[in-house]
Amino acid sequence: MEQPPTGGGAGARVLVVDDDPTVAEIVTGYLDRAGYVVDRAGDGPDALARAAAHRPDLVVLDLMLPGMDGLEVCRRMRGQGPVPVIMLTARGDEDDRVLGLEVGADDYVTKPFSPRELVLRVGSVLRRVRPVADPSGDGSGSGSGVLRAAGLTVDPEARRASKHGSELALTVREFDLLAFFLAHPGRAFAREELMRDVWGWDFGDLSTVTVHVRRLRGKVEDDPARPRLIRTVWGVGYRFDPATTEEA
């Protein structure tokens, strides 16, 4: 039997939302042993009530919930303020995973899943929200000073980003992706490279990258349908061109 990671939670509060009591109990047990403070909810209204009473540092959210599905719960939670979300989805439901990313989920894990893997994903997302003083150099820009280009400003230490002085509401992964692009202007990256360097994954569904690029364009481009900053490099991936004036 696999052993859960231990000692990494540092008291962070995680809300687990799943209507399957067995899944919820197992996930809660692993997170508890890893040092997290865990709340549980079995449906959407209960999850929203618990999040309002004690704001979680992260939410593990099942997509398929009775009454109010995980997508709606995610939307409403995000309406109360930014919070990282890891979505639990059924294996093979690619459309549902993409929808989860579209509404702002920072990560997803497909069922059936390894509880140990889920705990590691929780730790990975939280480290990006609350970076340590000496990061491992994953390219996200944390600890390397404020990044500026094309009217965009990213402060990795404060986890704040703005466009022409107006703060941007970015999810964890959107922030990491923007910081990475600003730190590497003019260089084309394949989606596999972005998944490895920004997400820290050596494998996974590349549509994750595609969806996040699309969402990020919607927040930083003047015309997301004709992007000038985050360019598609056909046959390769994406490139950040802060100085370009040509239309895509």
Protein backbone atom coordinates (compact mmCIF):
# COMPACT_ATOMS: atom_id res chain seq x y z
CA MET A 1 0.00 0.00 0.00
CA GLU A 2 1.41 3.39 -0.98
CA GLN A 3 2.35 5.76 1.80
CA PRO A 4 1.18 9.39 1.79
CA PRO A 5 3.71 12.23 1.63
CA THR A 6 4.19 13.77 5.05
CA GLY A 7 5.14 17.11 6.53
CA GLY A 8 4.51 19.35 3.54
CA GLY A 9 1.22 20.97 4.47
CA ALA A 10 2.51 23.62 6.87
CA GLY A 11 -1.04 24.14 8.17
CA ALA A 12 -2.57 25.20 4.85
CA ARG A 13 -6.36 24.74 4.78
CA VAL A 14 -7.73 22.48 2.03
CA LEU A 15 -11.43 22.03 1.30
CA VAL A 16 -12.27 18.60 -0.18
CA VAL A 17 -15.60 18.54 -2.07
CA ASP A 18 -16.81 15.11 -3.18
CA ASP A 19 -20.17 13.37 -2.80
CA ASP A 20 -18.50 9.95 -2.60
CA PRO A 21 -17.78 9.49 1.15
CA THR A 22 -15.14 6.83 0.48
CA VAL A 23 -13.16 9.06 -1.88
CA ALA A 24 -13.54 12.04 0.45
CA GLU A 25 -12.38 10.02 3.45
CA ILE A 26 -9.30 8.67 1.68
CA VAL A 27 -8.29 12.07 0.28
CA THR A 28 -8.88 13.73 3.64
CA GLY A 29 -6.75 11.12 5.40
CA TYR A 30 -3.82 11.57 3.03
CA LEU A 31 -3.97 15.36 3.23
CA ASP A 32 -4.27 15.28 7.01
CA ARG A 33 -1.17 13.07 7.32
CA ALA A 34 0.69 15.45 5.00
CA GLY A 35 0.09 18.29 7.45
CA TYR A 36 -2.91 20.06 5.96
CA VAL A 37 -5.97 21.32 7.82
CA VAL A 38 -8.83 19.66 5.93
CA ASP A 39 -12.52 20.57 5.63
CA ARG A 40 -15.01 18.30 3.83
CA ALA A 41 -18.20 19.00 1.90
CA GLY A 42 -20.48 16.58 0.09
CA ASP A 43 -22.24 19.00 -2.27
CA GLY A 44 -22.03 22.45 -3.80
CA PRO A 45 -24.06 24.51 -1.29
CA ASP A 46 -22.20 22.95 1.64
CA ALA A 47 -18.88 23.68 -0.07
CA LEU A 48 -19.79 27.34 -0.64
CA ALA A 49 -20.94 27.70 2.96
CA ARG A 50 -17.74 26.17 4.33
CA ALA A 51 -15.58 28.29 2.03
CA ALA A 52 -17.40 31.43 3.21
CA ALA A 53 -16.98 30.48 6.88
CA HIS A 54 -13.29 29.50 6.61
CA ARG A 55 -11.58 30.61 3.41
CA PRO A 56 -9.51 27.66 2.13
CA ASP A 57 -6.01 27.99 0.73
CA LEU A 58 -6.95 25.41 -1.92
CA VAL A 59 -10.01 23.41 -3.00
CA VAL A 60 -10.07 19.82 -4.25
CA LEU A 61 -13.33 19.81 -6.18
CA ASP A 62 -15.19 16.91 -7.80
CA LEU A 63 -16.68 17.90 -11.15
CA MET A 64 -19.72 15.62 -10.86
CA LEU A 65 -21.70 16.77 -7.81
CA PRO A 66 -25.43 16.38 -7.15
CA GLY A 67 -27.56 19.44 -7.79
CA MET A 68 -24.85 22.05 -8.33
CA ASP A 69 -21.93 20.69 -10.38
CA GLY A 70 -18.29 21.45 -9.78
CA LEU A 71 -18.14 24.01 -12.59
CA GLU A 72 -20.80 26.16 -10.93
CA VAL A 73 -19.18 25.73 -7.52
CA CYS A 74 -15.86 26.86 -8.99
CA ARG A 75 -17.46 29.92 -10.60
CA ARG A 76 -19.17 30.96 -7.37
CA MET A 77 -16.07 30.43 -5.25
CA ARG A 78 -14.03 32.49 -7.67
CA GLY A 79 -16.70 35.19 -7.38
CA GLN A 80 -15.89 35.41 -3.66
CA GLY A 81 -12.17 35.84 -4.31
CA PRO A 82 -9.20 34.01 -5.81
CA VAL A 83 -8.59 30.48 -4.60
CA PRO A 84 -6.62 27.66 -6.25
CA VAL A 85 -8.78 24.74 -7.42
CA ILE A 86 -7.80 21.19 -8.34
CA MET A 87 -10.65 19.54 -10.23
CA LEU A 88 -11.41 15.82 -10.01
CA THR A 89 -12.76 14.48 -13.31
CA ALA A 90 -13.70 11.09 -14.75
CA ARG A 91 -11.11 9.46 -16.98
CA GLY A 92 -11.69 10.14 -20.67
CA ASP A 93 -14.00 13.13 -20.21
CA GLU A 94 -11.72 15.55 -22.07
CA ASP A 95 -14.50 18.05 -22.74
CA ASP A 96 -15.24 18.23 -19.01
CA ARG A 97 -11.56 18.73 -18.18
CA VAL A 98 -11.33 21.57 -20.70
CA LEU A 99 -14.49 23.14 -19.22
CA GLY A 100 -12.95 22.89 -15.77
CA LEU A 101 -9.85 24.73 -16.98
CA GLU A 102 -12.02 27.29 -18.77
CA VAL A 103 -13.78 28.27 -15.53
CA GLY A 104 -10.44 28.66 -13.77
CA ALA A 105 -9.34 25.32 -12.33
CA ASP A 106 -5.59 25.40 -11.78
CA ASP A 107 -5.08 21.68 -12.17
CA TYR A 108 -7.07 18.49 -12.57
CA VAL A 109 -6.69 14.83 -11.63
CA THR A 110 -8.59 12.08 -13.42
CA LYS A 111 -10.43 9.31 -11.57
CA PRO A 112 -9.38 6.74 -10.57
CA PHE A 113 -6.33 8.51 -9.17
CA SER A 114 -3.51 7.92 -6.74
CA PRO A 115 -4.19 9.80 -3.47
CA ARG A 116 -0.45 10.26 -3.12
CA GLU A 117 -0.29 11.93 -6.54
CA LEU A 118 -3.14 14.22 -5.54
CA VAL A 119 -1.30 15.28 -2.38
CA LEU A 120 1.79 16.04 -4.46
CA ARG A 121 -0.33 18.11 -6.87
CA VAL A 122 -1.79 20.04 -3.92
CA GLY A 123 1.71 20.80 -2.67
CA SER A 124 2.85 21.88 -6.13
CA VAL A 125 -0.01 24.36 -6.56
CA LEU A 126 0.38 25.79 -3.05
CA ARG A 127 4.13 26.28 -3.50
CA ARG A 128 3.38 28.44 -6.52
CA VAL A 129 0.83 30.48 -4.61
CA ARG A 130 3.17 30.88 -1.64
CA PRO A 131 6.67 30.57 -3.14
CA VAL A 132 9.65 29.89 -0.90
CA ALA A 133 12.51 32.34 -0.68
CA ASP A 134 14.87 30.24 -2.85
CA PRO A 135 12.84 28.64 -5.64
CA SER A 136 14.18 25.72 -7.65
CA GLY A 137 14.41 27.68 -10.85
CA ASP A 138 11.43 26.31 -12.74
CA GLY A 139 11.33 29.37 -15.00
CA SER A 140 8.28 31.00 -13.47
CA GLY A 141 10.28 34.08 -12.47
CA SER A 142 9.79 33.83 -8.70
CA GLY A 143 12.59 35.44 -6.77
CA SER A 144 14.07 37.04 -9.90
CA GLY A 145 12.60 40.51 -9.44
CA VAL A 146 9.73 42.35 -11.11
CA LEU A 147 9.23 41.55 -14.80
CA ARG A 148 8.00 44.23 -17.23
CA ALA A 149 7.19 44.18 -20.94
CA ALA A 150 4.57 45.58 -23.32
CA GLY A 151 2.66 47.36 -20.54
CA LEU A 152 2.58 44.20 -18.42
CA THR A 153 4.11 44.02 -14.94
CA VAL A 154 4.58 40.78 -13.01
CA ASP A 155 5.86 40.64 -9.44
CA PRO A 156 6.58 36.94 -8.75
CA GLU A 157 7.29 37.47 -5.04
CA ALA A 158 3.99 39.27 -4.39
CA ARG A 159 2.12 37.11 -6.93
CA ARG A 160 0.65 40.21 -8.55
CA ALA A 161 0.31 41.09 -12.22
CA SER A 162 -1.02 44.18 -13.96
CA LYS A 163 -1.63 45.59 -17.41
CA HIS A 164 -1.07 49.33 -17.83
CA GLY A 165 -1.41 49.69 -14.05
CA SER A 166 -4.66 47.74 -13.73
CA GLU A 167 -4.35 44.54 -11.72
CA LEU A 168 -5.06 41.30 -13.58
CA ALA A 169 -7.17 38.55 -12.01
CA LEU A 170 -5.12 35.47 -12.90
CA THR A 171 -5.32 31.90 -11.71
CA VAL A 172 -2.19 30.24 -10.32
CA ARG A 173 -1.26 28.64 -13.64
CA GLU A 174 -2.12 31.74 -15.70
CA PHE A 175 0.19 33.77 -13.48
CA ASP A 176 3.01 31.22 -13.81
CA LEU A 177 2.57 31.10 -17.58
CA LEU A 178 2.65 34.89 -17.95
CA ALA A 179 5.72 35.17 -15.71
CA PHE A 180 7.45 32.48 -17.76
CA PHE A 181 6.69 34.25 -21.03
CA LEU A 182 7.94 37.60 -19.70
CA ALA A 183 11.12 35.95 -18.48
CA HIS A 184 11.77 34.43 -21.94
CA PRO A 185 10.74 37.01 -24.58
CA GLY A 186 11.18 36.14 -28.23
CA ARG A 187 11.74 32.41 -27.70
CA ALA A 188 9.35 29.81 -29.09
CA PHE A 189 8.32 27.02 -26.74
CA ALA A 190 6.58 23.77 -27.59
CA ARG A 191 3.56 22.89 -25.48
CA GLU A 192 5.55 19.97 -24.06
CA GLU A 193 8.23 22.42 -22.89
CA LEU A 194 5.68 24.71 -21.29
CA MET A 195 4.07 21.77 -19.50
CA ARG A 196 7.47 20.74 -18.15
CA ASP A 197 8.84 24.19 -17.27
CA VAL A 198 5.65 25.90 -16.03
CA TRP A 199 3.54 23.00 -14.74
CA GLY A 200 6.48 20.86 -13.66
CA TRP A 201 4.99 17.82 -15.41
CA ASP A 202 6.95 15.46 -17.65
CA PHE A 203 3.73 14.15 -19.16
CA GLY A 204 0.06 15.11 -19.31
CA ASP A 205 -2.79 16.35 -21.47
CA LEU A 206 -1.39 19.11 -23.70
CA SER A 207 -4.85 20.67 -24.01
CA THR A 208 -4.12 22.02 -20.53
CA VAL A 209 -1.51 24.33 -22.05
CA THR A 210 -3.74 25.29 -24.98
CA VAL A 211 -6.63 26.26 -22.71
CA HIS A 212 -4.42 28.30 -20.38
CA VAL A 213 -2.84 30.18 -23.29
CA ARG A 214 -6.32 31.00 -24.59
CA ARG A 215 -7.47 32.19 -21.17
CA LEU A 216 -4.31 34.25 -20.68
CA ARG A 217 -4.72 35.89 -24.07
CA GLY A 218 -8.22 36.90 -23.02
CA LYS A 219 -6.73 38.86 -20.13
CA VAL A 220 -3.54 40.40 -21.59
CA GLU A 221 -4.26 40.93 -25.29
CA ASP A 222 -6.07 44.02 -26.58
CA ASP A 223 -7.82 41.76 -29.10
CA PRO A 224 -7.61 38.10 -28.01
CA ALA A 225 -8.88 36.98 -31.43
CA ARG A 226 -5.84 38.67 -33.05
CA PRO A 227 -3.08 38.18 -30.46
CA ARG A 228 0.02 40.33 -30.79
CA LEU A 229 1.85 39.36 -27.61
CA ILE A 230 1.41 35.61 -27.22
CA ARG A 231 1.92 34.32 -30.75
CA THR A 232 1.15 30.88 -32.09
CA VAL A 233 4.22 29.43 -33.80
CA TRP A 234 2.72 26.88 -36.17
CA GLY A 235 4.24 23.44 -35.82
CA VAL A 236 6.06 24.48 -32.64
CA GLY A 237 3.98 26.13 -29.93
CA TYR A 238 3.94 29.69 -28.60
CA ARG A 239 6.21 32.73 -28.41
CA PHE A 240 5.95 35.95 -26.38
CA ASP A 241 6.70 38.97 -28.62
CA PRO A 242 6.57 42.11 -26.46
CA ALA A 243 7.99 44.43 -29.11
CA THR A 244 5.98 43.34 -32.14
CA THR A 245 3.57 45.73 -33.78
CA GLU A 246 2.42 43.39 -36.54
CA GLU A 247 -1.02 41.88 -36.35
CA ALA A 248 -1.29 38.11 -35.92
